[in-house]
Amino acid sequence: DGTTNLGFTVPQNELELAKETMQKLSAAR
């Protein structure tokens, strides 16, 4: 239906930074 799911892993100590980055992007539902 025109959308997909995407998963990836990052080091645990970089998760907070990854969260902030994803929030700014708003690339997913």
PDB file of all heavy atoms in Angstrom:
ATOM      1  N   ASP A   1       0.816  -1.230   0.000  1.00  0.00           N
ATOM      2  CA  ASP A   1       0.000   0.000   0.000  1.00  0.00           C
ATOM      3  C   ASP A   1       0.848   1.280   0.000  1.00  0.00           C
ATOM      4  O   ASP A   1       0.536   2.255   0.698  1.00  0.00           O
ATOM      5  CB  ASP A   1      -0.942   0.045   1.227  1.00  0.00           C
ATOM      6  CG  ASP A   1      -1.988  -1.053   1.157  1.00  0.00           C
ATOM      7  OD1 ASP A   1      -2.248  -1.531   0.038  1.00  0.00           O
ATOM      8  OD2 ASP A   1      -2.528  -1.429   2.219  1.00  0.00           O
ATOM      9  N   GLY A   2       1.959   1.229  -0.712  1.00  0.00           N
ATOM     10  CA  GLY A   2       2.788   2.438  -0.846  1.00  0.00           C
ATOM     11  C   GLY A   2       3.660   2.752   0.354  1.00  0.00           C
ATOM     12  O   GLY A   2       4.328   3.780   0.384  1.00  0.00           O
ATOM     13  N   THR A   3       3.624   1.892   1.379  1.00  0.00           N
ATOM     14  CA  THR A   3       4.521   2.111   2.526  1.00  0.00           C
ATOM     15  C   THR A   3       5.280   0.824   2.848  1.00  0.00           C
ATOM     16  O   THR A   3       4.899  -0.261   2.405  1.00  0.00           O
ATOM     17  CB  THR A   3       3.755   2.537   3.803  1.00  0.00           C
ATOM     18  OG1 THR A   3       2.931   1.451   4.217  1.00  0.00           O
ATOM     19  CG2 THR A   3       2.951   3.801   3.595  1.00  0.00           C
ATOM     20  N   THR A   4       6.339   0.977   3.628  1.00  0.00           N
ATOM     21  CA  THR A   4       7.145  -0.187   4.011  1.00  0.00           C
ATOM     22  C   THR A   4       7.646  -0.005   5.441  1.00  0.00           C
ATOM     23  O   THR A   4       7.524   1.082   6.006  1.00  0.00           O
ATOM     24  CB  THR A   4       8.344  -0.346   3.032  1.00  0.00           C
ATOM     25  OG1 THR A   4       9.058  -1.525   3.360  1.00  0.00           O
ATOM     26  CG2 THR A   4       9.303   0.837   3.107  1.00  0.00           C
ATOM     27  N   ASN A   5       8.182  -1.066   6.016  1.00  0.00           N
ATOM     28  CA  ASN A   5       8.808  -0.974   7.348  1.00  0.00           C
ATOM     29  C   ASN A   5      10.317  -1.111   7.192  1.00  0.00           C
ATOM     30  O   ASN A   5      10.785  -1.927   6.393  1.00  0.00           O
ATOM     31  CB  ASN A   5       8.308  -2.090   8.272  1.00  0.00           C
ATOM     32  CG  ASN A   5       6.822  -1.949   8.545  1.00  0.00           C
ATOM     33  OD1 ASN A   5       6.256  -0.875   8.385  1.00  0.00           O
ATOM     34  ND2 ASN A   5       6.187  -3.040   8.946  1.00  0.00           N
ATOM     35  N   LEU A   6      11.045  -0.330   7.961  1.00  0.00           N
ATOM     36  CA  LEU A   6      12.502  -0.342   7.864  1.00  0.00           C
ATOM     37  C   LEU A   6      13.071  -0.447   9.281  1.00  0.00           C
ATOM     38  O   LEU A   6      12.693   0.323  10.159  1.00  0.00           O
ATOM     39  CB  LEU A   6      12.970   0.967   7.201  1.00  0.00           C
ATOM     40  CG  LEU A   6      14.459   1.183   6.960  1.00  0.00           C
ATOM     41  CD1 LEU A   6      14.969   0.229   5.883  1.00  0.00           C
ATOM     42  CD2 LEU A   6      14.719   2.616   6.510  1.00  0.00           C
ATOM     43  N   GLY A   7      13.948  -1.433   9.496  1.00  0.00           N
ATOM     44  CA  GLY A   7      14.551  -1.592  10.820  1.00  0.00           C
ATOM     45  C   GLY A   7      16.062  -1.553  10.722  1.00  0.00           C
ATOM     46  O   GLY A   7      16.639  -1.972   9.715  1.00  0.00           O
ATOM     47  N   PHE A   8      16.717  -1.030  11.747  1.00  0.00           N
ATOM     48  CA  PHE A   8      18.187  -1.048  11.761  1.00  0.00           C
ATOM     49  C   PHE A   8      18.678  -1.040  13.201  1.00  0.00           C
ATOM     50  O   PHE A   8      17.930  -0.711  14.124  1.00  0.00           O
ATOM     51  CB  PHE A   8      18.774   0.136  10.970  1.00  0.00           C
ATOM     52  CG  PHE A   8      18.320   1.493  11.429  1.00  0.00           C
ATOM     53  CD1 PHE A   8      19.005   2.183  12.410  1.00  0.00           C
ATOM     54  CD2 PHE A   8      17.189   2.092  10.854  1.00  0.00           C
ATOM     55  CE1 PHE A   8      18.589   3.441  12.829  1.00  0.00           C
ATOM     56  CE2 PHE A   8      16.765   3.347  11.263  1.00  0.00           C
ATOM     57  CZ  PHE A   8      17.468   4.028  12.260  1.00  0.00           C
ATOM     58  N   THR A   9      19.937  -1.443  13.383  1.00  0.00           N
ATOM     59  CA  THR A   9      20.513  -1.440  14.734  1.00  0.00           C
ATOM     60  C   THR A   9      21.607  -0.378  14.830  1.00  0.00           C
ATOM     61  O   THR A   9      22.288  -0.087  13.853  1.00  0.00           O
ATOM     62  CB  THR A   9      21.101  -2.817  15.119  1.00  0.00           C
ATOM     63  OG1 THR A   9      22.132  -3.155  14.193  1.00  0.00           O
ATOM     64  CG2 THR A   9      20.048  -3.893  15.134  1.00  0.00           C
ATOM     65  N   VAL A  10      21.729   0.178  16.042  1.00  0.00           N
ATOM     66  CA  VAL A  10      22.775   1.161  16.346  1.00  0.00           C
ATOM     67  C   VAL A  10      23.376   0.772  17.699  1.00  0.00           C
ATOM     68  O   VAL A  10      22.752   0.025  18.454  1.00  0.00           O
ATOM     69  CB  VAL A  10      22.204   2.607  16.440  1.00  0.00           C
ATOM     70  CG1 VAL A  10      21.627   3.054  15.110  1.00  0.00           C
ATOM     71  CG2 VAL A  10      21.156   2.726  17.545  1.00  0.00           C
ATOM     72  N   PRO A  11      24.580   1.256  18.033  1.00  0.00           N
ATOM     73  CA  PRO A  11      25.103   0.983  19.379  1.00  0.00           C
ATOM     74  C   PRO A  11      24.156   1.572  20.431  1.00  0.00           C
ATOM     75  O   PRO A  11      23.592   2.649  20.219  1.00  0.00           O
ATOM     76  CB  PRO A  11      26.453   1.713  19.392  1.00  0.00           C
ATOM     77  CG  PRO A  11      26.825   1.860  17.952  1.00  0.00           C
ATOM     78  CD  PRO A  11      25.539   2.004  17.211  1.00  0.00           C
ATOM     79  N   GLN A  12      23.990   0.854  21.536  1.00  0.00           N
ATOM     80  CA  GLN A  12      23.055   1.288  22.578  1.00  0.00           C
ATOM     81  C   GLN A  12      23.367   2.699  23.080  1.00  0.00           C
ATOM     82  O   GLN A  12      22.459   3.490  23.337  1.00  0.00           O
ATOM     83  CB  GLN A  12      23.159   0.303  23.741  1.00  0.00           C
ATOM     84  CG  GLN A  12      21.851   0.054  24.440  1.00  0.00           C
ATOM     85  CD  GLN A  12      21.961  -1.094  25.429  1.00  0.00           C
ATOM     86  OE1 GLN A  12      22.678  -1.001  26.408  1.00  0.00           O
ATOM     87  NE2 GLN A  12      21.252  -2.178  25.165  1.00  0.00           N
ATOM     88  N   ASN A  13      24.672   3.023  23.146  1.00  0.00           N
ATOM     89  CA  ASN A  13      25.049   4.340  23.668  1.00  0.00           C
ATOM     90  C   ASN A  13      24.802   5.465  22.653  1.00  0.00           C
ATOM     91  O   ASN A  13      25.044   6.628  22.938  1.00  0.00           O
ATOM     92  CB  ASN A  13      26.512   4.349  24.139  1.00  0.00           C
ATOM     93  CG  ASN A  13      27.473   3.859  23.077  1.00  0.00           C
ATOM     94  OD1 ASN A  13      27.067   3.225  22.107  1.00  0.00           O
ATOM     95  ND2 ASN A  13      28.746   4.155  23.234  1.00  0.00           N
ATOM     96  N   GLU A  14      24.335   5.109  21.439  1.00  0.00           N
ATOM     97  CA  GLU A  14      24.004   6.146  20.449  1.00  0.00           C
ATOM     98  C   GLU A  14      22.491   6.202  20.176  1.00  0.00           C
ATOM     99  O   GLU A  14      22.037   6.913  19.289  1.00  0.00           O
ATOM    100  CB  GLU A  14      24.774   5.890  19.139  1.00  0.00           C
ATOM    101  CG  GLU A  14      26.278   6.062  19.308  1.00  0.00           C
ATOM    102  CD  GLU A  14      27.103   5.762  18.063  1.00  0.00           C
ATOM    103  OE1 GLU A  14      26.511   5.565  16.982  1.00  0.00           O
ATOM    104  OE2 GLU A  14      28.341   5.727  18.176  1.00  0.00           O
ATOM    105  N   LEU A  15      21.722   5.442  20.982  1.00  0.00           N
ATOM    106  CA  LEU A  15      20.278   5.357  20.751  1.00  0.00           C
ATOM    107  C   LEU A  15      19.577   6.705  20.965  1.00  0.00           C
ATOM    108  O   LEU A  15      18.711   7.085  20.178  1.00  0.00           O
ATOM    109  CB  LEU A  15      19.652   4.274  21.649  1.00  0.00           C
ATOM    110  CG  LEU A  15      18.142   4.044  21.479  1.00  0.00           C
ATOM    111  CD1 LEU A  15      17.799   3.609  20.054  1.00  0.00           C
ATOM    112  CD2 LEU A  15      17.624   2.992  22.462  1.00  0.00           C
ATOM    113  N   GLU A  16      19.958   7.421  22.026  1.00  0.00           N
ATOM    114  CA  GLU A  16      19.321   8.720  22.304  1.00  0.00           C
ATOM    115  C   GLU A  16      19.488   9.677  21.124  1.00  0.00           C
ATOM    116  O   GLU A  16      18.546  10.356  20.720  1.00  0.00           O
ATOM    117  CB  GLU A  16      19.916   9.357  23.577  1.00  0.00           C
ATOM    118  CG  GLU A  16      19.418   8.744  24.872  1.00  0.00           C
ATOM    119  CD  GLU A  16      17.897   8.753  25.007  1.00  0.00           C
ATOM    120  OE1 GLU A  16      17.272   9.789  24.703  1.00  0.00           O
ATOM    121  OE2 GLU A  16      17.327   7.705  25.378  1.00  0.00           O
ATOM    122  N   LEU A  17      20.702   9.696  20.583  1.00  0.00           N
ATOM    123  CA  LEU A  17      20.997  10.567  19.442  1.00  0.00           C
ATOM    124  C   LEU A  17      20.198  10.114  18.214  1.00  0.00           C
ATOM    125  O   LEU A  17      19.674  10.942  17.453  1.00  0.00           O
ATOM    126  CB  LEU A  17      22.506  10.520  19.152  1.00  0.00           C
ATOM    127  CG  LEU A  17      23.117  11.660  18.352  1.00  0.00           C
ATOM    128  CD1 LEU A  17      22.745  13.022  18.897  1.00  0.00           C
ATOM    129  CD2 LEU A  17      24.643  11.522  18.308  1.00  0.00           C
ATOM    130  N   ALA A  18      20.060   8.797  18.038  1.00  0.00           N
ATOM    131  CA  ALA A  18      19.278   8.254  16.919  1.00  0.00           C
ATOM    132  C   ALA A  18      17.806   8.649  17.069  1.00  0.00           C
ATOM    133  O   ALA A  18      17.145   9.007  16.082  1.00  0.00           O
ATOM    134  CB  ALA A  18      19.416   6.731  16.864  1.00  0.00           C
ATOM    135  N   LYS A  19      17.301   8.615  18.313  1.00  0.00           N
ATOM    136  CA  LYS A  19      15.903   9.017  18.571  1.00  0.00           C
ATOM    137  C   LYS A  19      15.692  10.466  18.151  1.00  0.00           C
ATOM    138  O   LYS A  19      14.737  10.791  17.440  1.00  0.00           O
ATOM    139  CB  LYS A  19      15.575   8.888  20.071  1.00  0.00           C
ATOM    140  CG  LYS A  19      15.217   7.491  20.524  1.00  0.00           C
ATOM    141  CD  LYS A  19      14.820   7.509  22.005  1.00  0.00           C
ATOM    142  CE  LYS A  19      14.577   6.099  22.525  1.00  0.00           C
ATOM    143  NZ  LYS A  19      14.280   6.059  23.950  1.00  0.00           N
ATOM    144  N   GLU A  20      16.587  11.335  18.605  1.00  0.00           N
ATOM    145  CA  GLU A  20      16.468  12.762  18.265  1.00  0.00           C
ATOM    146  C   GLU A  20      16.488  12.960  16.749  1.00  0.00           C
ATOM    147  O   GLU A  20      15.714  13.743  16.202  1.00  0.00           O
ATOM    148  CB  GLU A  20      17.636  13.553  18.887  1.00  0.00           C
ATOM    149  CG  GLU A  20      17.499  13.762  20.381  1.00  0.00           C
ATOM    150  CD  GLU A  20      18.741  14.405  20.986  1.00  0.00           C
ATOM    151  OE1 GLU A  20      19.469  15.113  20.254  1.00  0.00           O
ATOM    152  OE2 GLU A  20      18.979  14.194  22.185  1.00  0.00           O
ATOM    153  N   THR A  21      17.393  12.249  16.077  1.00  0.00           N
ATOM    154  CA  THR A  21      17.530  12.374  14.621  1.00  0.00           C
ATOM    155  C   THR A  21      16.253  11.938  13.915  1.00  0.00           C
ATOM    156  O   THR A  21      15.783  12.597  12.984  1.00  0.00           O
ATOM    157  CB  THR A  21      18.731  11.528  14.137  1.00  0.00           C
ATOM    158  OG1 THR A  21      19.857  11.829  14.961  1.00  0.00           O
ATOM    159  CG2 THR A  21      19.083  11.823  12.692  1.00  0.00           C
ATOM    160  N   MET A  22      15.676  10.819  14.370  1.00  0.00           N
ATOM    161  CA  MET A  22      14.451  10.300  13.748  1.00  0.00           C
ATOM    162  C   MET A  22      13.255  11.236  13.990  1.00  0.00           C
ATOM    163  O   MET A  22      12.409  11.419  13.124  1.00  0.00           O
ATOM    164  CB  MET A  22      14.132   8.892  14.275  1.00  0.00           C
ATOM    165  CG  MET A  22      15.100   7.806  13.826  1.00  0.00           C
ATOM    166  SD  MET A  22      15.171   7.597  12.026  1.00  0.00           S
ATOM    167  CE  MET A  22      16.623   8.492  11.590  1.00  0.00           C
ATOM    168  N   GLN A  23      13.205  11.828  15.181  1.00  0.00           N
ATOM    169  CA  GLN A  23      12.094  12.751  15.496  1.00  0.00           C
ATOM    170  C   GLN A  23      12.124  13.979  14.578  1.00  0.00           C
ATOM    171  O   GLN A  23      11.089  14.457  14.118  1.00  0.00           O
ATOM    172  CB  GLN A  23      12.158  13.174  16.967  1.00  0.00           C
ATOM    173  CG  GLN A  23      11.527  12.129  17.894  1.00  0.00           C
ATOM    174  CD  GLN A  23      12.051  12.204  19.326  1.00  0.00           C
ATOM    175  OE1 GLN A  23      12.800  13.111  19.673  1.00  0.00           O
ATOM    176  NE2 GLN A  23      11.672  11.234  20.155  1.00  0.00           N
ATOM    177  N   LYS A  24      13.321  14.459  14.287  1.00  0.00           N
ATOM    178  CA  LYS A  24      13.451  15.635  13.409  1.00  0.00           C
ATOM    179  C   LYS A  24      13.049  15.301  11.981  1.00  0.00           C
ATOM    180  O   LYS A  24      12.572  16.145  11.241  1.00  0.00           O
ATOM    181  CB  LYS A  24      14.906  16.142  13.426  1.00  0.00           C
ATOM    182  CG  LYS A  24      15.225  16.959  14.672  1.00  0.00           C
ATOM    183  CD  LYS A  24      16.675  17.393  14.668  1.00  0.00           C
ATOM    184  CE  LYS A  24      17.068  17.947  16.030  1.00  0.00           C
ATOM    185  NZ  LYS A  24      18.503  17.891  16.272  1.00  0.00           N
ATOM    186  N   LEU A  25      13.276  14.037  11.586  1.00  0.00           N
ATOM    187  CA  LEU A  25      13.029  13.646  10.188  1.00  0.00           C
ATOM    188  C   LEU A  25      11.547  13.439   9.881  1.00  0.00           C
ATOM    189  O   LEU A  25      11.096  13.751   8.783  1.00  0.00           O
ATOM    190  CB  LEU A  25      13.759  12.328   9.896  1.00  0.00           C
ATOM    191  CG  LEU A  25      15.081  12.383   9.128  1.00  0.00           C
ATOM    192  CD1 LEU A  25      15.474  10.968   8.733  1.00  0.00           C
ATOM    193  CD2 LEU A  25      15.010  13.242   7.876  1.00  0.00           C
ATOM    194  N   SER A  26      10.843  12.859  10.828  1.00  0.00           N
ATOM    195  CA  SER A  26       9.453  12.410  10.646  1.00  0.00           C
ATOM    196  C   SER A  26       9.246  11.698   9.298  1.00  0.00           C
ATOM    197  O   SER A  26       8.436  12.083   8.471  1.00  0.00           O
ATOM    198  CB  SER A  26       8.460  13.578  10.818  1.00  0.00           C
ATOM    199  OG  SER A  26       8.753  14.632   9.924  1.00  0.00           O
ATOM    200  N   ALA A  27      10.069  10.649   9.102  1.00  0.00           N
ATOM    201  CA  ALA A  27      10.032   9.901   7.836  1.00  0.00           C
ATOM    202  C   ALA A  27       9.064   8.722   7.894  1.00  0.00           C
ATOM    203  O   ALA A  27       8.790   8.088   6.886  1.00  0.00           O
ATOM    204  CB  ALA A  27      11.429   9.387   7.502  1.00  0.00           C
ATOM    205  N   ALA A  28       8.527   8.428   9.090  1.00  0.00           N
ATOM    206  CA  ALA A  28       7.669   7.251   9.230  1.00  0.00           C
ATOM    207  C   ALA A  28       6.422   7.598  10.025  1.00  0.00           C
ATOM    208  O   ALA A  28       6.370   8.602  10.724  1.00  0.00           O
ATOM    209  CB  ALA A  28       8.451   6.158   9.957  1.00  0.00           C
ATOM    210  N   ARG A  29       5.417   6.719   9.891  1.00  0.00           N
ATOM    211  CA  ARG A  29       4.165   6.928  10.619  1.00  0.00           C
ATOM    212  C   ARG A  29       4.418   6.817  12.129  1.00  0.00           C
ATOM    213  O   ARG A  29       3.964   7.609  12.910  1.00  0.00           O
ATOM    214  CB  ARG A  29       3.139   5.889  10.155  1.00  0.00           C
ATOM    215  CG  ARG A  29       1.694   6.223  10.560  1.00  0.00           C
ATOM    216  CD  ARG A  29       0.670   5.328   9.875  1.00  0.00           C
ATOM    217  NE  ARG A  29       0.952   3.911  10.088  1.00  0.00           N
ATOM    218  CZ  ARG A  29       1.187   3.057   9.087  1.00  0.00           C
ATOM    219  NH1 ARG A  29       1.155   3.466   7.841  1.00  0.00           N
ATOM    220  NH2 ARG A  29       1.445   1.791   9.335  1.00  0.00           N
TER     221      ARG A  29
END
